[in-house]
């Protein structure tokens, strides 16, 4: 398993997510429209954006935790049972913290 490659993939995804969160934050801070109908529509859009932002923040936390495990030398070990996480699983989901059994 190429840890440097996985680290690079995770760092690139982390940068994408952070840019996405910043863009969402900027959009949510914009002045609301003065038109009541437009404001209602914007409110619905804001709820969707908030949901997307929350998902991005969760993924950011998962990636940061995986990078920390790499730093500590415990990357690839299930954080629940301690078993090895299958390399194929890590290549598909580099931030995976659990083996397939514990994830199920």
N, C-alpha and C. Protein backbone atom coordinates (compact mmCIF):
# COMPACT_ATOMS: atom_id res chain seq x y z
N UNK A 1 0.85 -1.17 0.00
CA UNK A 1 0.00 0.00 0.00
C UNK A 1 0.90 1.24 0.00
N UNK A 2 0.62 2.17 -0.90
CA UNK A 2 1.42 3.38 -1.05
C UNK A 2 0.83 4.49 -0.17
N UNK A 3 1.37 4.64 1.03
CA UNK A 3 0.85 5.63 1.98
C UNK A 3 1.01 7.05 1.48
N UNK A 4 2.09 7.35 0.80
CA UNK A 4 2.29 8.71 0.28
C UNK A 4 1.22 9.06 -0.74
N UNK A 5 0.88 8.09 -1.58
CA UNK A 5 -0.16 8.33 -2.58
C UNK A 5 -1.50 8.58 -1.88
N UNK A 6 -1.83 7.77 -0.87
CA UNK A 6 -3.08 7.95 -0.14
C UNK A 6 -3.09 9.29 0.59
N UNK A 7 -1.96 9.66 1.14
CA UNK A 7 -1.85 10.94 1.84
C UNK A 7 -2.10 12.09 0.85
N UNK A 8 -1.51 12.00 -0.32
CA UNK A 8 -1.69 13.03 -1.35
C UNK A 8 -3.15 13.13 -1.77
N UNK A 9 -3.80 11.98 -1.93
CA UNK A 9 -5.22 11.95 -2.31
C UNK A 9 -6.05 12.62 -1.22
N UNK A 10 -5.78 12.28 0.04
CA UNK A 10 -6.54 12.85 1.14
C UNK A 10 -6.30 14.36 1.28
N UNK A 11 -5.06 14.79 1.11
CA UNK A 11 -4.76 16.22 1.21
C UNK A 11 -5.44 17.00 0.10
N UNK A 12 -5.49 16.43 -1.11
CA UNK A 12 -6.17 17.10 -2.22
C UNK A 12 -7.66 17.20 -1.95
N UNK A 13 -8.25 16.13 -1.45
CA UNK A 13 -9.68 16.15 -1.12
C UNK A 13 -9.96 17.13 0.01
N UNK A 14 -9.07 17.21 0.98
CA UNK A 14 -9.21 18.14 2.08
C UNK A 14 -9.22 19.58 1.56
N UNK A 15 -8.34 19.89 0.65
CA UNK A 15 -8.30 21.24 0.06
C UNK A 15 -9.60 21.55 -0.68
N UNK A 16 -10.11 20.57 -1.44
CA UNK A 16 -11.39 20.75 -2.15
C UNK A 16 -12.52 21.05 -1.18
N UNK A 17 -12.58 20.26 -0.13
CA UNK A 17 -13.66 20.41 0.85
C UNK A 17 -13.56 21.74 1.59
N UNK A 18 -12.35 22.15 1.92
CA UNK A 18 -12.19 23.43 2.61
C UNK A 18 -12.61 24.59 1.71
N UNK A 19 -12.29 24.51 0.43
CA UNK A 19 -12.72 25.54 -0.52
C UNK A 19 -14.25 25.55 -0.64
N UNK A 20 -14.84 24.36 -0.66
CA UNK A 20 -16.30 24.24 -0.74
C UNK A 20 -16.96 24.86 0.49
N UNK A 21 -16.43 24.56 1.66
CA UNK A 21 -16.99 25.11 2.89
C UNK A 21 -16.86 26.63 2.91
N UNK A 22 -15.73 27.14 2.46
CA UNK A 22 -15.53 28.59 2.40
C UNK A 22 -16.52 29.25 1.45
N UNK A 23 -16.75 28.62 0.31
CA UNK A 23 -17.71 29.14 -0.67
C UNK A 23 -19.14 29.13 -0.10
N UNK A 24 -19.50 28.04 0.56
CA UNK A 24 -20.82 27.94 1.18
C UNK A 24 -20.97 29.01 2.26
N UNK A 25 -19.95 29.17 3.07
CA UNK A 25 -19.98 30.17 4.13
C UNK A 25 -20.17 31.56 3.54
N UNK A 26 -19.44 31.86 2.47
CA UNK A 26 -19.56 33.16 1.81
C UNK A 26 -20.98 33.37 1.28
N UNK A 27 -21.53 32.36 0.65
CA UNK A 27 -22.88 32.44 0.09
C UNK A 27 -23.91 32.66 1.19
N UNK A 28 -23.76 31.95 2.30
CA UNK A 28 -24.73 32.08 3.39
C UNK A 28 -24.65 33.44 4.09
N UNK A 29 -23.53 34.11 3.96
CA UNK A 29 -23.35 35.43 4.60
C UNK A 29 -23.85 36.58 3.72
N UNK A 30 -24.24 36.29 2.48
CA UNK A 30 -24.71 37.34 1.58
C UNK A 30 -25.99 37.96 2.12
N UNK A 31 -26.18 39.23 1.80
CA UNK A 31 -27.40 39.94 2.20
C UNK A 31 -28.63 39.24 1.62
N UNK A 32 -29.66 39.04 2.45
CA UNK A 32 -30.88 38.42 1.92
C UNK A 32 -31.59 39.37 0.95
N UNK A 33 -32.28 38.77 0.02
CA UNK A 33 -33.05 39.52 -0.97
C UNK A 33 -34.20 40.24 -0.26
N UNK A 34 -34.52 41.42 -0.72
CA UNK A 34 -35.60 42.19 -0.11
C UNK A 34 -36.98 41.68 -0.52
N UNK A 35 -37.07 41.03 -1.66
CA UNK A 35 -38.34 40.49 -2.13
C UNK A 35 -38.70 39.25 -1.31
N UNK A 36 -39.90 39.22 -0.76
CA UNK A 36 -40.34 38.14 0.13
C UNK A 36 -40.31 36.79 -0.58
N UNK A 37 -40.80 36.71 -1.79
CA UNK A 37 -40.83 35.43 -2.52
C UNK A 37 -39.41 34.95 -2.81
N UNK A 38 -38.56 35.87 -3.22
CA UNK A 38 -37.17 35.50 -3.50
C UNK A 38 -36.47 35.06 -2.21
N UNK A 39 -36.78 35.73 -1.12
CA UNK A 39 -36.17 35.40 0.17
C UNK A 39 -36.57 33.99 0.61
N UNK A 40 -37.83 33.62 0.38
CA UNK A 40 -38.29 32.28 0.74
C UNK A 40 -37.53 31.23 -0.06
N UNK A 41 -37.34 31.49 -1.33
CA UNK A 41 -36.60 30.57 -2.19
C UNK A 41 -35.13 30.49 -1.75
N UNK A 42 -34.55 31.64 -1.40
CA UNK A 42 -33.17 31.66 -0.92
C UNK A 42 -33.04 30.88 0.39
N UNK A 43 -34.06 30.98 1.23
CA UNK A 43 -34.04 30.27 2.51
C UNK A 43 -33.97 28.77 2.29
N UNK A 44 -34.74 28.28 1.34
CA UNK A 44 -34.70 26.85 1.01
C UNK A 44 -33.32 26.46 0.50
N UNK A 45 -32.77 27.31 -0.35
CA UNK A 45 -31.43 27.05 -0.88
C UNK A 45 -30.38 27.06 0.22
N UNK A 46 -30.56 27.98 1.17
CA UNK A 46 -29.63 28.06 2.29
C UNK A 46 -29.64 26.78 3.12
N UNK A 47 -30.82 26.20 3.30
CA UNK A 47 -30.93 24.95 4.06
C UNK A 47 -30.16 23.84 3.37
N UNK A 48 -30.28 23.79 2.05
CA UNK A 48 -29.54 22.78 1.27
C UNK A 48 -28.03 23.02 1.41
N UNK A 49 -27.63 24.29 1.30
CA UNK A 49 -26.22 24.61 1.42
C UNK A 49 -25.68 24.26 2.81
N UNK A 50 -26.46 24.53 3.84
CA UNK A 50 -26.04 24.19 5.19
C UNK A 50 -25.83 22.69 5.33
N UNK A 51 -26.74 21.91 4.74
CA UNK A 51 -26.60 20.45 4.78
C UNK A 51 -25.33 20.00 4.07
N UNK A 52 -25.07 20.57 2.91
CA UNK A 52 -23.86 20.23 2.17
C UNK A 52 -22.61 20.64 2.95
N UNK A 53 -22.69 21.81 3.58
CA UNK A 53 -21.57 22.27 4.39
C UNK A 53 -21.30 21.35 5.57
N UNK A 54 -22.37 20.89 6.21
CA UNK A 54 -22.21 19.96 7.34
C UNK A 54 -21.59 18.65 6.90
N UNK A 55 -22.02 18.15 5.74
CA UNK A 55 -21.43 16.91 5.21
C UNK A 55 -19.95 17.11 4.91
N UNK A 56 -19.62 18.26 4.34
CA UNK A 56 -18.22 18.54 4.02
C UNK A 56 -17.39 18.63 5.30
N UNK A 57 -17.95 19.26 6.34
CA UNK A 57 -17.22 19.37 7.62
C UNK A 57 -16.99 17.99 8.24
N UNK A 58 -17.96 17.10 8.11
CA UNK A 58 -17.79 15.74 8.63
C UNK A 58 -16.68 15.01 7.89
N UNK A 59 -16.68 15.17 6.56
CA UNK A 59 -15.64 14.51 5.77
C UNK A 59 -14.26 15.11 6.08
N UNK A 60 -14.21 16.42 6.30
CA UNK A 60 -12.95 17.07 6.68
C UNK A 60 -12.43 16.46 7.98
N UNK A 61 -13.31 16.29 8.96
CA UNK A 61 -12.90 15.71 10.24
C UNK A 61 -12.38 14.28 10.05
N UNK A 62 -13.04 13.50 9.20
CA UNK A 62 -12.61 12.12 8.94
C UNK A 62 -11.22 12.09 8.30
N UNK A 63 -11.00 12.98 7.33
CA UNK A 63 -9.71 13.02 6.65
C UNK A 63 -8.62 13.49 7.60
N UNK A 64 -8.91 14.52 8.38
CA UNK A 64 -7.91 15.01 9.33
C UNK A 64 -7.55 13.92 10.35
N UNK A 65 -8.55 13.15 10.78
CA UNK A 65 -8.28 12.05 11.72
C UNK A 65 -7.41 10.98 11.06
N UNK A 66 -7.68 10.68 9.79
CA UNK A 66 -6.88 9.68 9.07
C UNK A 66 -5.44 10.17 8.91
N UNK A 67 -5.27 11.44 8.58
CA UNK A 67 -3.92 11.99 8.44
C UNK A 67 -3.18 11.95 9.78
N UNK A 68 -3.90 12.19 10.86
CA UNK A 68 -3.30 12.11 12.20
C UNK A 68 -2.87 10.68 12.51
N UNK A 69 -3.72 9.69 12.12
CA UNK A 69 -3.35 8.28 12.33
C UNK A 69 -2.09 7.94 11.54
N UNK A 70 -1.96 8.51 10.34
CA UNK A 70 -0.74 8.29 9.55
C UNK A 70 0.47 8.81 10.31
N UNK A 71 0.32 10.01 10.85
CA UNK A 71 1.39 10.65 11.62
C UNK A 71 1.80 9.79 12.81
N UNK A 72 0.81 9.20 13.47
CA UNK A 72 1.06 8.41 14.68
C UNK A 72 1.46 6.98 14.39
N UNK A 73 1.36 6.57 13.13
CA UNK A 73 1.74 5.22 12.75
C UNK A 73 0.64 4.18 12.95
N UNK A 74 -0.58 4.62 13.19
CA UNK A 74 -1.68 3.66 13.39
C UNK A 74 -2.64 3.63 12.21
N UNK A 75 -2.28 4.30 11.12
CA UNK A 75 -3.13 4.29 9.93
C UNK A 75 -3.24 2.86 9.39
N UNK A 76 -4.44 2.48 9.03
CA UNK A 76 -4.66 1.13 8.50
C UNK A 76 -5.12 0.15 9.55
N UNK A 77 -5.18 0.60 10.82
CA UNK A 77 -5.70 -0.24 11.90
C UNK A 77 -7.09 0.25 12.25
N UNK A 78 -8.01 -0.66 12.43
CA UNK A 78 -9.37 -0.33 12.80
C UNK A 78 -9.36 0.36 14.17
N UNK A 79 -10.00 1.51 14.25
CA UNK A 79 -10.01 2.25 15.52
C UNK A 79 -10.96 1.61 16.52
N UNK A 80 -11.75 0.64 16.08
CA UNK A 80 -12.68 -0.03 16.99
C UNK A 80 -12.07 -1.32 17.56
N UNK A 81 -11.62 -2.19 16.65
CA UNK A 81 -11.15 -3.50 17.12
C UNK A 81 -9.64 -3.70 17.00
N UNK A 82 -8.96 -2.81 16.27
CA UNK A 82 -7.52 -2.92 16.12
C UNK A 82 -7.06 -3.80 14.98
N UNK A 83 -7.99 -4.44 14.29
CA UNK A 83 -7.62 -5.30 13.15
C UNK A 83 -7.14 -4.44 11.98
N UNK A 84 -6.43 -5.07 11.07
CA UNK A 84 -5.96 -4.36 9.89
C UNK A 84 -7.15 -4.07 8.96
N UNK A 85 -7.18 -2.86 8.44
CA UNK A 85 -8.18 -2.49 7.44
C UNK A 85 -7.62 -2.94 6.10
N UNK A 86 -8.43 -3.63 5.33
CA UNK A 86 -7.98 -4.16 4.05
C UNK A 86 -7.45 -3.03 3.16
N UNK A 87 -6.29 -3.24 2.54
CA UNK A 87 -5.72 -2.21 1.66
C UNK A 87 -6.70 -1.77 0.56
N UNK A 88 -7.48 -2.71 0.02
CA UNK A 88 -8.46 -2.35 -1.01
C UNK A 88 -9.49 -1.37 -0.46
N UNK A 89 -9.88 -1.55 0.79
CA UNK A 89 -10.84 -0.64 1.42
C UNK A 89 -10.22 0.75 1.57
N UNK A 90 -8.95 0.80 1.98
CA UNK A 90 -8.29 2.08 2.15
C UNK A 90 -8.07 2.79 0.82
N UNK A 91 -7.83 2.03 -0.22
CA UNK A 91 -7.66 2.65 -1.54
C UNK A 91 -8.98 3.24 -2.03
N UNK A 92 -10.08 2.61 -1.66
CA UNK A 92 -11.40 3.11 -2.05
C UNK A 92 -11.84 4.25 -1.13
N UNK A 93 -11.58 4.08 0.15
CA UNK A 93 -11.96 5.06 1.17
C UNK A 93 -10.74 5.35 2.05
N UNK A 94 -9.84 6.23 1.59
CA UNK A 94 -8.59 6.45 2.32
C UNK A 94 -8.77 6.90 3.77
N UNK A 95 -9.88 7.52 4.10
CA UNK A 95 -10.09 8.00 5.47
C UNK A 95 -10.81 6.98 6.34
N UNK A 96 -11.01 5.77 5.83
CA UNK A 96 -11.73 4.74 6.59
C UNK A 96 -11.04 4.50 7.93
N UNK A 97 -11.85 4.50 8.99
CA UNK A 97 -11.31 4.31 10.33
C UNK A 97 -11.63 2.91 10.87
N UNK A 98 -12.51 2.19 10.17
CA UNK A 98 -12.95 0.88 10.67
C UNK A 98 -12.76 -0.19 9.59
N UNK A 99 -12.48 -1.39 10.06
CA UNK A 99 -12.43 -2.54 9.15
C UNK A 99 -13.85 -2.78 8.64
N UNK A 100 -13.97 -3.61 7.65
CA UNK A 100 -15.29 -3.86 7.05
C UNK A 100 -16.26 -4.47 8.05
N UNK A 101 -15.77 -5.33 8.93
CA UNK A 101 -16.65 -5.95 9.92
C UNK A 101 -17.21 -4.93 10.91
N UNK A 102 -16.35 -4.05 11.41
CA UNK A 102 -16.81 -3.04 12.37
C UNK A 102 -17.66 -1.97 11.69
N UNK A 103 -17.38 -1.70 10.42
CA UNK A 103 -18.17 -0.71 9.69
C UNK A 103 -19.59 -1.21 9.45
N UNK A 104 -19.72 -2.55 9.34
CA UNK A 104 -21.06 -3.13 9.11
C UNK A 104 -21.82 -3.08 10.40
